[in-house]
Amino acid sequence: MRERLDVILVERRLVESRTKAQWLIKSGFVFVNDMKILKSSKKVDNNSKIKLSRKYPYVGRGGLKLEAALKSFSVDVKGKICVDIGASIGGFTDCLLQNGALKVYTVDTATNLLHPSLTC
């Protein structure tokens, strides 16, 4: 049976969401039977060998945006105490921690959205 590549990545638990799967595919990090696939809607056989050359780096897309800003503006967060206002799932928080922030305080009006890997 053939199915969309982004759906298969989620079903095999290689990624947490189709959004993350689509980013990895469009960024050129997904190989099906050793061939790079750049279209997330590509139908592939369920038995295909799928390899990721890179994992999705953060729990949310916000982390990618913050990473670009940190690099662009030469901001070093190593050893700093930071705050993520409007944390949602915690993409910014994850990015800050992975880039060496000592501690990140998260604030959001919603409850129970923060990714479990970021909670105390």
N, C-alpha and C. Protein backbone atom coordinates (compact mmCIF):
# COMPACT_ATOMS: atom_id res chain seq x y z
N MET A 1 0.84 -1.19 0.00
CA MET A 1 0.00 0.00 0.00
C MET A 1 0.88 1.25 0.00
N ARG A 2 0.45 2.26 -0.72
CA ARG A 2 1.21 3.50 -0.81
C ARG A 2 0.51 4.58 0.00
N GLU A 3 1.33 5.43 0.63
CA GLU A 3 0.78 6.49 1.47
C GLU A 3 1.71 7.70 1.40
N ARG A 4 1.18 8.86 1.79
CA ARG A 4 1.98 10.08 1.79
C ARG A 4 3.19 9.90 2.71
N LEU A 5 4.32 10.42 2.26
CA LEU A 5 5.55 10.29 3.03
C LEU A 5 5.45 10.96 4.40
N ASP A 6 4.85 12.15 4.47
CA ASP A 6 4.75 12.83 5.77
C ASP A 6 3.90 12.03 6.75
N VAL A 7 2.88 11.35 6.25
CA VAL A 7 2.02 10.52 7.11
C VAL A 7 2.79 9.31 7.61
N ILE A 8 3.56 8.68 6.73
CA ILE A 8 4.35 7.51 7.13
C ILE A 8 5.37 7.87 8.21
N LEU A 9 6.00 9.04 8.09
CA LEU A 9 6.98 9.45 9.10
C LEU A 9 6.34 9.55 10.48
N VAL A 10 5.12 10.06 10.53
CA VAL A 10 4.41 10.16 11.81
C VAL A 10 3.98 8.78 12.29
N GLU A 11 3.45 7.96 11.40
CA GLU A 11 3.00 6.61 11.78
C GLU A 11 4.14 5.76 12.32
N ARG A 12 5.33 5.92 11.75
CA ARG A 12 6.50 5.16 12.23
C ARG A 12 7.16 5.81 13.45
N ARG A 13 6.60 6.91 13.88
CA ARG A 13 7.10 7.65 15.04
C ARG A 13 8.52 8.17 14.86
N LEU A 14 8.84 8.50 13.62
CA LEU A 14 10.13 9.13 13.34
C LEU A 14 10.07 10.61 13.67
N VAL A 15 8.86 11.18 13.64
CA VAL A 15 8.61 12.57 14.01
C VAL A 15 7.29 12.63 14.77
N GLU A 16 7.07 13.74 15.47
CA GLU A 16 5.86 13.88 16.29
C GLU A 16 4.65 14.39 15.53
N SER A 17 4.88 15.10 14.42
CA SER A 17 3.75 15.70 13.71
C SER A 17 4.03 15.77 12.22
N ARG A 18 2.97 15.94 11.45
CA ARG A 18 3.13 16.09 10.01
C ARG A 18 3.85 17.39 9.68
N THR A 19 3.65 18.42 10.50
CA THR A 19 4.34 19.69 10.26
C THR A 19 5.85 19.49 10.34
N LYS A 20 6.30 18.75 11.34
CA LYS A 20 7.74 18.48 11.48
C LYS A 20 8.22 17.60 10.33
N ALA A 21 7.40 16.63 9.95
CA ALA A 21 7.76 15.76 8.83
C ALA A 21 7.92 16.57 7.55
N GLN A 22 6.99 17.48 7.31
CA GLN A 22 7.04 18.30 6.10
C GLN A 22 8.28 19.19 6.08
N TRP A 23 8.66 19.74 7.23
CA TRP A 23 9.86 20.57 7.30
C TRP A 23 11.10 19.74 6.96
N LEU A 24 11.20 18.54 7.54
CA LEU A 24 12.36 17.68 7.28
C LEU A 24 12.43 17.29 5.80
N ILE A 25 11.28 16.97 5.22
CA ILE A 25 11.24 16.57 3.81
C ILE A 25 11.66 17.73 2.92
N LYS A 26 11.04 18.89 3.10
CA LYS A 26 11.35 20.06 2.27
C LYS A 26 12.78 20.54 2.45
N SER A 27 13.36 20.27 3.61
CA SER A 27 14.74 20.67 3.88
C SER A 27 15.76 19.67 3.33
N GLY A 28 15.27 18.56 2.79
CA GLY A 28 16.16 17.59 2.16
C GLY A 28 16.79 16.58 3.11
N PHE A 29 16.16 16.33 4.25
CA PHE A 29 16.72 15.43 5.25
C PHE A 29 16.07 14.05 5.26
N VAL A 30 15.19 13.77 4.29
CA VAL A 30 14.49 12.48 4.27
C VAL A 30 14.84 11.71 3.00
N PHE A 31 15.24 10.44 3.20
CA PHE A 31 15.61 9.58 2.08
C PHE A 31 14.73 8.35 2.10
N VAL A 32 14.19 8.02 0.94
CA VAL A 32 13.37 6.81 0.79
C VAL A 32 14.12 5.89 -0.17
N ASN A 33 14.47 4.71 0.33
CA ASN A 33 15.27 3.76 -0.45
C ASN A 33 16.50 4.45 -1.03
N ASP A 34 17.18 5.23 -0.18
CA ASP A 34 18.42 5.95 -0.49
C ASP A 34 18.26 7.08 -1.51
N MET A 35 17.03 7.49 -1.79
CA MET A 35 16.79 8.62 -2.69
C MET A 35 16.19 9.77 -1.90
N LYS A 36 16.77 10.98 -2.07
CA LYS A 36 16.25 12.16 -1.38
C LYS A 36 14.89 12.52 -1.95
N ILE A 37 13.92 12.72 -1.07
CA ILE A 37 12.57 13.13 -1.47
C ILE A 37 12.33 14.53 -0.92
N LEU A 38 11.84 15.44 -1.77
CA LEU A 38 11.63 16.83 -1.37
C LEU A 38 10.15 17.23 -1.33
N LYS A 39 9.27 16.29 -1.63
CA LYS A 39 7.85 16.59 -1.67
C LYS A 39 7.13 15.74 -0.62
N SER A 40 6.54 16.42 0.37
CA SER A 40 5.91 15.69 1.48
C SER A 40 4.67 14.90 1.06
N SER A 41 4.05 15.29 -0.03
CA SER A 41 2.84 14.58 -0.49
C SER A 41 3.18 13.36 -1.35
N LYS A 42 4.46 13.12 -1.57
CA LYS A 42 4.90 11.98 -2.38
C LYS A 42 4.37 10.68 -1.78
N LYS A 43 3.73 9.88 -2.61
CA LYS A 43 3.20 8.58 -2.17
C LYS A 43 4.33 7.56 -2.26
N VAL A 44 4.58 6.88 -1.15
CA VAL A 44 5.62 5.86 -1.12
C VAL A 44 5.05 4.57 -0.55
N ASP A 45 5.70 3.48 -0.88
CA ASP A 45 5.27 2.17 -0.39
C ASP A 45 5.50 2.09 1.12
N ASN A 46 4.55 1.55 1.84
CA ASN A 46 4.65 1.43 3.30
C ASN A 46 5.87 0.61 3.73
N ASN A 47 6.38 -0.25 2.86
CA ASN A 47 7.53 -1.08 3.20
C ASN A 47 8.86 -0.43 2.84
N SER A 48 8.83 0.78 2.35
CA SER A 48 10.05 1.47 1.94
C SER A 48 10.99 1.70 3.12
N LYS A 49 12.28 1.69 2.80
CA LYS A 49 13.30 2.01 3.81
C LYS A 49 13.41 3.53 3.88
N ILE A 50 13.13 4.09 5.06
CA ILE A 50 13.16 5.55 5.23
C ILE A 50 14.26 5.91 6.21
N LYS A 51 15.07 6.89 5.81
CA LYS A 51 16.16 7.34 6.67
C LYS A 51 16.11 8.85 6.81
N LEU A 52 16.30 9.33 8.04
CA LEU A 52 16.40 10.76 8.29
C LEU A 52 17.87 11.09 8.49
N SER A 53 18.37 12.06 7.73
CA SER A 53 19.76 12.46 7.92
C SER A 53 19.89 13.50 9.03
N ARG A 54 18.75 14.01 9.50
CA ARG A 54 18.74 14.95 10.62
C ARG A 54 17.38 14.85 11.30
N LYS A 55 17.38 14.94 12.59
CA LYS A 55 16.13 14.96 13.35
C LYS A 55 15.62 16.39 13.40
N TYR A 56 14.34 16.55 13.67
CA TYR A 56 13.78 17.89 13.86
C TYR A 56 14.43 18.46 15.11
N PRO A 57 15.06 19.62 15.00
CA PRO A 57 15.91 20.11 16.09
C PRO A 57 15.19 20.58 17.36
N TYR A 58 13.95 21.04 17.25
CA TYR A 58 13.27 21.61 18.41
C TYR A 58 11.85 21.07 18.51
N VAL A 59 11.24 21.25 19.69
CA VAL A 59 9.87 20.74 19.89
C VAL A 59 8.84 21.53 19.09
N GLY A 60 9.17 22.71 18.65
CA GLY A 60 8.24 23.54 17.86
C GLY A 60 8.98 24.36 16.83
N ARG A 61 8.26 24.82 15.82
CA ARG A 61 8.86 25.61 14.74
C ARG A 61 9.45 26.93 15.23
N GLY A 62 8.93 27.45 16.34
CA GLY A 62 9.46 28.69 16.88
C GLY A 62 10.95 28.60 17.16
N GLY A 63 11.41 27.42 17.52
CA GLY A 63 12.83 27.22 17.78
C GLY A 63 13.69 27.50 16.57
N LEU A 64 13.20 27.13 15.39
CA LEU A 64 13.94 27.40 14.16
C LEU A 64 14.03 28.89 13.89
N LYS A 65 12.94 29.59 14.16
CA LYS A 65 12.91 31.04 13.95
C LYS A 65 13.85 31.75 14.91
N LEU A 66 13.82 31.34 16.18
CA LEU A 66 14.70 31.96 17.16
C LEU A 66 16.16 31.64 16.86
N GLU A 67 16.44 30.41 16.45
CA GLU A 67 17.80 30.02 16.09
C GLU A 67 18.35 30.95 15.00
N ALA A 68 17.53 31.22 13.99
CA ALA A 68 17.96 32.12 12.91
C ALA A 68 18.22 33.52 13.43
N ALA A 69 17.37 34.01 14.33
CA ALA A 69 17.55 35.34 14.90
C ALA A 69 18.81 35.41 15.76
N LEU A 70 19.05 34.38 16.57
CA LEU A 70 20.24 34.36 17.42
C LEU A 70 21.50 34.43 16.57
N LYS A 71 21.52 33.68 15.47
CA LYS A 71 22.68 33.70 14.57
C LYS A 71 22.79 35.03 13.85
N SER A 72 21.68 35.52 13.33
CA SER A 72 21.68 36.76 12.55
C SER A 72 22.16 37.96 13.37
N PHE A 73 21.74 38.02 14.63
CA PHE A 73 22.10 39.16 15.48
C PHE A 73 23.26 38.86 16.42
N SER A 74 23.92 37.71 16.22
CA SER A 74 25.07 37.31 17.04
C SER A 74 24.78 37.37 18.53
N VAL A 75 23.66 36.79 18.93
CA VAL A 75 23.28 36.76 20.34
C VAL A 75 23.72 35.43 20.95
N ASP A 76 24.47 35.50 22.05
CA ASP A 76 24.93 34.31 22.75
C ASP A 76 24.13 34.17 24.04
N VAL A 77 23.40 33.08 24.19
CA VAL A 77 22.57 32.89 25.38
C VAL A 77 23.22 31.95 26.40
N LYS A 78 24.43 31.51 26.13
CA LYS A 78 25.12 30.59 27.05
C LYS A 78 25.22 31.20 28.44
N GLY A 79 24.76 30.43 29.43
CA GLY A 79 24.85 30.85 30.82
C GLY A 79 23.85 31.91 31.24
N LYS A 80 22.96 32.30 30.35
CA LYS A 80 21.98 33.35 30.65
C LYS A 80 20.68 32.76 31.21
N ILE A 81 19.96 33.57 31.98
CA ILE A 81 18.62 33.23 32.43
C ILE A 81 17.67 33.96 31.50
N CYS A 82 16.77 33.22 30.87
CA CYS A 82 15.90 33.78 29.82
C CYS A 82 14.43 33.60 30.18
N VAL A 83 13.57 34.27 29.41
CA VAL A 83 12.13 34.11 29.58
C VAL A 83 11.50 33.92 28.20
N ASP A 84 10.55 33.01 28.13
CA ASP A 84 9.80 32.75 26.90
C ASP A 84 8.35 33.12 27.19
N ILE A 85 7.95 34.30 26.75
CA ILE A 85 6.59 34.78 27.00
C ILE A 85 5.72 34.37 25.81
N GLY A 86 4.68 33.61 26.09
CA GLY A 86 3.84 33.04 25.04
C GLY A 86 4.45 31.73 24.57
N ALA A 87 4.88 30.91 25.52
CA ALA A 87 5.67 29.72 25.25
C ALA A 87 4.97 28.67 24.39
N SER A 88 3.66 28.52 24.52
CA SER A 88 2.91 27.50 23.79
C SER A 88 3.57 26.13 23.99
N ILE A 89 4.00 25.48 22.91
CA ILE A 89 4.62 24.16 23.05
C ILE A 89 6.07 24.26 23.52
N GLY A 90 6.71 25.42 23.33
CA GLY A 90 8.05 25.63 23.87
C GLY A 90 9.19 25.61 22.88
N GLY A 91 8.93 25.95 21.63
CA GLY A 91 10.00 25.97 20.63
C GLY A 91 11.13 26.92 21.00
N PHE A 92 10.79 28.14 21.43
CA PHE A 92 11.81 29.11 21.85
C PHE A 92 12.57 28.57 23.06
N THR A 93 11.84 28.03 24.03
CA THR A 93 12.45 27.50 25.25
C THR A 93 13.46 26.42 24.91
N ASP A 94 13.05 25.49 24.06
CA ASP A 94 13.92 24.39 23.64
C ASP A 94 15.18 24.93 22.96
N CYS A 95 15.01 25.89 22.07
CA CYS A 95 16.14 26.49 21.36
C CYS A 95 17.10 27.15 22.34
N LEU A 96 16.56 27.92 23.28
CA LEU A 96 17.41 28.60 24.26
C LEU A 96 18.20 27.59 25.09
N LEU A 97 17.54 26.54 25.55
CA LEU A 97 18.22 25.53 26.36
C LEU A 97 19.29 24.79 25.55
N GLN A 98 18.97 24.44 24.31
CA GLN A 98 19.95 23.74 23.48
C GLN A 98 21.13 24.63 23.12
N ASN A 99 20.94 25.93 23.19
CA ASN A 99 22.03 26.86 22.89
C ASN A 99 22.72 27.35 24.16
N GLY A 100 22.50 26.67 25.27
CA GLY A 100 23.27 26.92 26.48
C GLY A 100 22.67 27.81 27.53
N ALA A 101 21.41 28.21 27.39
CA ALA A 101 20.79 29.04 28.44
C ALA A 101 20.80 28.26 29.75
N LEU A 102 21.12 28.96 30.83
CA LEU A 102 21.18 28.33 32.14
C LEU A 102 19.80 27.92 32.62
N LYS A 103 18.82 28.79 32.40
CA LYS A 103 17.46 28.55 32.85
C LYS A 103 16.52 29.36 31.96
N VAL A 104 15.32 28.81 31.72
CA VAL A 104 14.32 29.53 30.94
C VAL A 104 13.00 29.48 31.69
N TYR A 105 12.46 30.66 31.98
CA TYR A 105 11.13 30.75 32.57
C TYR A 105 10.13 30.86 31.43
N THR A 106 9.07 30.05 31.49
CA THR A 106 8.06 30.09 30.43
C THR A 106 6.75 30.63 30.98
N VAL A 107 6.09 31.44 30.15
CA VAL A 107 4.81 32.04 30.52
C VAL A 107 3.84 31.86 29.36
N ASP A 108 2.62 31.44 29.67
CA ASP A 108 1.60 31.34 28.63
C ASP A 108 0.24 31.43 29.31
N THR A 109 -0.74 31.93 28.58
CA THR A 109 -2.10 32.02 29.14
C THR A 109 -2.82 30.68 29.09
N ALA A 110 -2.41 29.81 28.20
CA ALA A 110 -3.02 28.48 28.09
C ALA A 110 -2.35 27.53 29.09
N THR A 111 -2.96 26.39 29.30
CA THR A 111 -2.39 25.41 30.21
C THR A 111 -2.10 24.10 29.49
N ASN A 112 -1.10 23.40 29.98
CA ASN A 112 -0.73 22.07 29.50
C ASN A 112 -0.35 22.00 28.02
N LEU A 113 0.23 23.06 27.49
CA LEU A 113 0.69 23.04 26.10
C LEU A 113 2.17 22.72 26.00
N LEU A 114 2.94 23.05 27.03
CA LEU A 114 4.39 22.89 26.99
C LEU A 114 4.75 21.42 26.77
N HIS A 115 5.68 21.19 25.85
CA HIS A 115 6.11 19.83 25.54
C HIS A 115 6.63 19.14 26.80
N PRO A 116 6.27 17.87 27.01
CA PRO A 116 6.69 17.16 28.23
C PRO A 116 8.20 17.13 28.46
N SER A 117 8.99 17.18 27.40
CA SER A 117 10.44 17.14 27.57
C SER A 117 10.99 18.41 28.21
N LEU A 118 10.17 19.46 28.29
CA LEU A 118 10.64 20.74 28.83
C LEU A 118 10.12 21.02 30.24
N THR A 119 9.31 20.15 30.77
CA THR A 119 8.74 20.40 32.09
C THR A 119 9.64 19.86 33.18
N CYS A 120 9.49 20.42 34.36
CA CYS A 120 10.32 20.01 35.51
C CYS A 120 9.91 18.65 36.01
